[in-house]
Amino acid sequence: MKPNTCIRVLLLSFFACSQTQPAKINFIINAQKNEGEENPYASISSIPVPEGFTRIATKNGSFAEWLRRLTLKKNKMVYLYNGLPKKNQTAQFAVVNMSVGNKDLQQCADAVMRLRAEYLYSEKRFKEINFWDNNNTDYTLGTLTDRKHFDQYLYNVFVKCGTLSLEKQLKPVEDVNKIQPGDILIQGGSPGHAMIVVDMAVNPSSDKKIYLLAQSYMPAQDIHIVINPVNKSTNPWYELNNNTILTPEWVFQKGHFRTWP
């Protein structure tokens, strides 16, 4: 792996998921180019935790366990739906081994919905796969289906639903200390963005918790585990108790955490 470049201040001018006007963010990033770099970790579960931390226990068959088992690509490059590399190759720590499709649809909220739907599909819990649009129309997969039907369902969901509708569908997390893998950081609107917690760990001696975040972005691109741009010592893990959550391409507040109903 190439050594990190020096710490620098980046001005990120970007179009976020489903937004119409650009937003600008200034903060420090420990920048790292990933062109041609290999990822040594086979799955999310093999990403090491910082010293003193232990992964939280998960139940067999749970969404948290399923997320932890997601496999990662060997190459760290993030590609767009059209096969071109993403311009910003400094945001990702590793790339999830899952297709982005060949249309500009699987952006931020869509990636979150894709992961949730794929988990429920793998568990054959078809009737629980449902998402709402902005008019509160419920798109439910319903009865037993094949993969072709499922993929068409996801296509329709990606067209109809986004950050605004997903934020309305999810429940606010009342106690941030109780978030779990599978919970969402989301800010609906134009601009808007959504990311998903894919793993968590705890320090038994201090009860301090840390977590990993994954995202897609705009244009539609590979789902990827993001770096922690402001804390080199825990990168790519984020500390739970921070009020402001600075991610490589969006800034959230801890009040933006949501969970599935």
Protein backbone atom coordinates (compact mmCIF):
# COMPACT_ATOMS: atom_id res chain seq x y z
CA MET A 1 0.00 0.00 0.00
CA LYS A 2 1.29 3.45 -0.87
CA PRO A 3 2.04 5.76 2.05
CA ASN A 4 -0.50 8.42 2.93
CA THR A 5 0.04 11.81 1.43
CA CYS A 6 0.51 14.75 3.76
CA ILE A 7 -2.56 16.06 5.54
CA ARG A 8 -4.17 18.77 3.51
CA VAL A 9 -7.31 20.88 3.46
CA LEU A 10 -9.68 19.97 0.67
CA LEU A 11 -12.51 22.08 -0.60
CA LEU A 12 -15.10 19.60 -1.79
CA SER A 13 -17.62 20.96 -4.26
CA PHE A 14 -19.97 18.15 -5.02
CA PHE A 15 -23.45 17.11 -6.08
CA ALA A 16 -24.98 14.80 -3.48
CA CYS A 17 -27.71 12.23 -3.96
CA SER A 18 -30.78 13.68 -5.63
CA GLN A 19 -29.70 17.25 -5.07
CA THR A 20 -30.11 20.14 -7.47
CA GLN A 21 -27.60 22.63 -6.08
CA PRO A 22 -23.97 22.08 -5.10
CA ALA A 23 -22.86 22.14 -1.47
CA LYS A 24 -19.40 23.05 -0.22
CA ILE A 25 -17.59 21.62 2.77
CA ASN A 26 -14.22 22.53 4.24
CA PHE A 27 -12.43 20.14 6.56
CA ILE A 28 -9.15 18.29 6.94
CA ILE A 29 -8.72 15.00 5.13
CA ASN A 30 -5.92 12.52 5.51
CA ALA A 31 -5.89 11.99 1.76
CA GLN A 32 -4.89 8.70 0.22
CA LYS A 33 -5.03 7.69 -3.44
CA ASN A 34 -6.26 4.19 -4.12
CA GLU A 35 -5.41 3.79 -7.77
CA GLY A 36 -4.07 0.28 -8.31
CA GLU A 37 -3.95 -0.46 -4.60
CA GLU A 38 -5.02 -3.84 -3.32
CA ASN A 39 -7.32 -4.28 -0.36
CA PRO A 40 -5.98 -7.00 1.99
CA TYR A 41 -9.32 -7.63 3.72
CA ALA A 42 -11.69 -10.29 2.40
CA SER A 43 -14.82 -9.08 4.20
CA ILE A 44 -16.02 -6.36 6.55
CA SER A 45 -15.50 -8.76 9.46
CA SER A 46 -11.77 -8.91 8.69
CA ILE A 47 -11.18 -5.14 8.91
CA PRO A 48 -9.14 -4.82 12.10
CA VAL A 49 -10.44 -2.88 15.09
CA PRO A 50 -8.22 -0.42 17.01
CA GLU A 51 -6.31 -1.71 20.02
CA GLY A 52 -8.53 -2.25 23.06
CA PHE A 53 -11.73 -2.70 21.03
CA THR A 54 -13.79 -5.83 20.38
CA ARG A 55 -16.56 -6.26 17.85
CA ILE A 56 -20.02 -6.29 19.38
CA ALA A 57 -21.90 -9.59 19.48
CA THR A 58 -24.48 -10.17 16.74
CA LYS A 59 -27.34 -12.65 16.52
CA ASN A 60 -27.32 -15.43 13.95
CA GLY A 61 -29.40 -14.42 10.97
CA SER A 62 -29.48 -10.75 11.93
CA PHE A 63 -28.98 -7.82 9.57
CA ALA A 64 -25.87 -6.90 11.59
CA GLU A 65 -24.35 -10.34 11.04
CA TRP A 66 -25.21 -10.24 7.32
CA LEU A 67 -23.55 -6.85 6.87
CA ARG A 68 -20.43 -8.05 8.63
CA ARG A 69 -20.14 -10.94 6.17
CA LEU A 70 -20.21 -8.71 3.08
CA THR A 71 -17.21 -9.48 0.91
CA LEU A 72 -14.83 -6.80 -0.32
CA LYS A 73 -13.16 -6.35 -3.69
CA LYS A 74 -9.41 -6.81 -3.92
CA ASN A 75 -9.01 -3.55 -5.81
CA LYS A 76 -9.75 -0.33 -3.90
CA MET A 77 -10.90 1.67 -6.92
CA VAL A 78 -14.50 2.90 -6.92
CA TYR A 79 -16.19 2.66 -10.30
CA LEU A 80 -19.32 4.37 -11.59
CA TYR A 81 -22.30 2.60 -13.15
CA ASN A 82 -20.82 3.28 -16.61
CA GLY A 83 -17.52 1.56 -15.82
CA LEU A 84 -15.52 4.76 -15.43
CA PRO A 85 -13.55 5.39 -12.22
CA LYS A 86 -14.97 7.89 -9.77
CA LYS A 87 -13.08 11.20 -9.85
CA ASN A 88 -12.58 11.29 -6.08
CA GLN A 89 -10.61 8.18 -5.13
CA THR A 90 -9.71 9.39 -1.62
CA ALA A 91 -12.99 8.64 0.20
CA GLN A 92 -12.93 4.84 0.35
CA PHE A 93 -11.16 2.39 2.62
CA ALA A 94 -12.48 -0.68 0.79
CA VAL A 95 -15.10 -1.51 -1.85
CA VAL A 96 -18.04 -3.87 -1.30
CA ASN A 97 -18.25 -6.71 -3.80
CA MET A 98 -21.73 -5.93 -5.11
CA SER A 99 -22.88 -4.77 -8.53
CA VAL A 100 -23.86 -1.13 -8.99
CA GLY A 101 -25.83 -1.96 -12.15
CA ASN A 102 -25.49 -0.20 -15.50
CA LYS A 103 -27.82 2.76 -14.90
CA ASP A 104 -27.36 5.91 -12.83
CA LEU A 105 -29.77 4.72 -10.14
CA GLN A 106 -28.01 3.07 -7.19
CA GLN A 107 -26.91 6.26 -5.46
CA CYS A 108 -26.79 6.93 -1.71
CA ALA A 109 -30.28 6.08 -0.41
CA ASP A 110 -30.64 3.41 -3.09
CA ALA A 111 -27.52 1.61 -1.82
CA VAL A 112 -28.96 1.62 1.71
CA MET A 113 -32.25 0.19 0.43
CA ARG A 114 -30.38 -2.34 -1.70
CA LEU A 115 -28.47 -3.70 1.29
CA ARG A 116 -31.59 -3.94 3.42
CA ALA A 117 -33.55 -5.62 0.62
CA GLU A 118 -30.73 -8.06 -0.20
CA TYR A 119 -30.58 -9.15 3.43
CA LEU A 120 -34.32 -9.75 3.68
CA TYR A 121 -34.30 -11.50 0.30
CA SER A 122 -31.53 -13.84 1.49
CA GLU A 123 -33.69 -14.67 4.51
CA LYS A 124 -36.77 -15.21 2.28
CA ARG A 125 -38.62 -12.52 4.25
CA PHE A 126 -40.16 -11.18 1.04
CA LYS A 127 -43.19 -9.45 2.57
CA GLU A 128 -40.91 -7.34 4.78
CA ILE A 129 -39.19 -5.81 1.76
CA ASN A 130 -41.02 -2.52 1.39
CA PHE A 131 -40.11 1.12 0.80
CA TRP A 132 -42.13 4.30 0.49
CA ASP A 133 -42.00 7.13 -1.99
CA ASN A 134 -42.61 10.80 -1.17
CA ASN A 135 -46.36 10.32 -1.55
CA ASN A 136 -46.29 7.50 1.03
CA THR A 137 -46.98 4.90 -1.65
CA ASP A 138 -45.77 1.56 -0.29
CA TYR A 139 -43.69 -0.57 -2.65
CA THR A 140 -43.73 -4.09 -1.22
CA LEU A 141 -42.10 -7.07 -2.90
CA GLY A 142 -44.76 -9.39 -1.52
CA THR A 143 -44.85 -13.09 -2.27
CA LEU A 144 -42.17 -15.61 -3.21
CA THR A 145 -40.22 -14.33 -6.20
CA ASP A 146 -37.27 -15.09 -8.42
CA ARG A 147 -34.15 -13.00 -8.86
CA LYS A 148 -35.36 -11.37 -12.09
CA HIS A 149 -38.53 -10.18 -10.38
CA PHE A 150 -36.52 -8.95 -7.40
CA ASP A 151 -34.11 -6.96 -9.59
CA GLN A 152 -37.03 -5.32 -11.40
CA TYR A 153 -38.57 -4.45 -8.05
CA LEU A 154 -35.33 -2.78 -6.95
CA TYR A 155 -35.20 -0.84 -10.22
CA ASN A 156 -38.68 0.56 -9.53
CA VAL A 157 -37.76 1.43 -5.95
CA PHE A 158 -34.60 3.26 -7.03
CA VAL A 159 -36.65 5.31 -9.52
CA LYS A 160 -39.42 6.19 -7.07
CA CYS A 161 -37.66 6.52 -3.70
CA GLY A 162 -34.78 8.62 -2.35
CA THR A 163 -33.34 10.32 0.72
CA LEU A 164 -36.51 12.29 1.48
CA SER A 165 -38.81 9.28 1.37
CA LEU A 166 -36.38 6.97 3.16
CA GLU A 167 -35.87 9.47 5.97
CA LYS A 168 -39.65 9.62 6.49
CA GLN A 169 -39.89 5.82 6.51
CA LEU A 170 -37.16 5.34 9.11
CA LYS A 171 -37.53 5.97 12.85
CA PRO A 172 -35.30 8.46 14.72
CA VAL A 173 -32.82 6.87 17.11
CA GLU A 174 -33.78 8.19 20.52
CA ASP A 175 -30.58 7.09 22.26
CA VAL A 176 -27.52 7.32 20.01
CA ASN A 177 -25.60 5.03 22.39
CA LYS A 178 -27.93 2.23 21.29
CA ILE A 179 -27.33 2.36 17.54
CA GLN A 180 -26.62 -0.96 15.85
CA PRO A 181 -25.15 -2.13 12.55
CA GLY A 182 -27.84 -1.58 9.94
CA ASP A 183 -28.86 1.83 11.31
CA ILE A 184 -28.68 4.79 8.97
CA LEU A 185 -27.19 8.28 8.91
CA ILE A 186 -29.53 10.24 6.67
CA GLN A 187 -30.29 13.82 5.77
CA GLY A 188 -33.14 13.92 3.31
CA GLY A 189 -33.62 16.61 0.69
CA SER A 190 -31.82 18.52 -2.03
CA PRO A 191 -29.05 18.29 -1.04
CA GLY A 192 -29.33 15.04 0.86
CA HIS A 193 -27.24 12.00 1.66
CA ALA A 194 -27.52 8.59 3.35
CA MET A 195 -24.93 6.20 4.77
CA ILE A 196 -25.26 2.91 6.63
CA VAL A 197 -23.53 1.58 9.76
CA VAL A 198 -22.04 -1.77 8.71
CA ASP A 199 -20.14 -2.81 11.83
CA MET A 200 -19.50 -1.75 15.43
CA ALA A 201 -16.98 -2.42 18.18
CA VAL A 202 -16.68 -1.51 21.85
CA ASN A 203 -13.87 -0.93 24.32
CA PRO A 204 -14.89 -3.01 27.38
CA SER A 205 -12.86 -0.92 29.82
CA SER A 206 -14.30 2.45 28.77
CA ASP A 207 -17.57 1.45 27.04
CA LYS A 208 -16.49 3.65 24.13
CA LYS A 209 -18.10 2.54 20.86
CA ILE A 210 -16.88 2.87 17.29
CA TYR A 211 -18.50 2.07 13.95
CA LEU A 212 -17.87 1.67 10.22
CA LEU A 213 -19.82 3.55 7.56
CA ALA A 214 -20.58 2.59 3.96
CA GLN A 215 -22.04 4.63 1.15
CA SER A 216 -22.75 5.01 -2.51
CA TYR A 217 -22.85 8.50 -3.98
CA MET A 218 -23.72 10.45 -7.09
CA PRO A 219 -23.36 9.40 -9.89
CA ALA A 220 -24.28 5.80 -8.99
CA GLN A 221 -21.13 3.98 -7.92
CA ASP A 222 -19.72 1.01 -6.04
CA ILE A 223 -20.80 0.78 -2.41
CA HIS A 224 -17.69 1.43 -0.33
CA ILE A 225 -16.50 1.59 3.27
CA VAL A 226 -15.40 5.17 3.85
CA ILE A 227 -12.29 6.38 5.61
CA ASN A 228 -12.39 8.49 8.76
CA PRO A 229 -10.99 11.74 7.37
CA VAL A 230 -10.24 13.41 10.72
CA ASN A 231 -8.98 10.65 13.03
CA LYS A 232 -5.98 8.72 11.71
CA SER A 233 -5.66 6.66 14.91
CA THR A 234 -9.06 4.98 14.47
CA ASN A 235 -9.40 5.14 10.66
CA PRO A 236 -11.69 3.82 9.17
CA TRP A 237 -13.65 3.57 12.43
CA TYR A 238 -15.72 6.50 13.78
CA GLU A 239 -16.26 7.29 17.46
CA LEU A 240 -19.91 7.16 18.44
CA ASN A 241 -20.00 10.10 20.84
CA ASN A 242 -19.04 12.80 18.36
CA ASN A 243 -21.87 15.30 17.90
CA THR A 244 -20.70 16.25 14.41
CA ILE A 245 -19.83 13.40 12.06
CA LEU A 246 -17.40 14.47 9.35
CA THR A 247 -17.35 11.91 6.55
CA PRO A 248 -15.32 12.29 3.35
CA GLU A 249 -18.20 13.70 1.33
CA TRP A 250 -20.87 14.80 3.82
CA VAL A 251 -21.27 16.28 7.30
CA PHE A 252 -23.93 14.81 9.61
CA GLN A 253 -25.06 15.51 13.16
CA LYS A 254 -25.74 12.68 15.61
CA GLY A 255 -29.45 13.56 15.37
CA HIS A 256 -29.39 12.23 11.81
CA PHE A 257 -29.26 8.60 12.96
CA ARG A 258 -32.32 6.55 11.99
CA THR A 259 -33.33 2.91 12.37
CA TRP A 260 -35.70 0.56 10.54
CA PRO A 261 -39.30 0.42 11.79
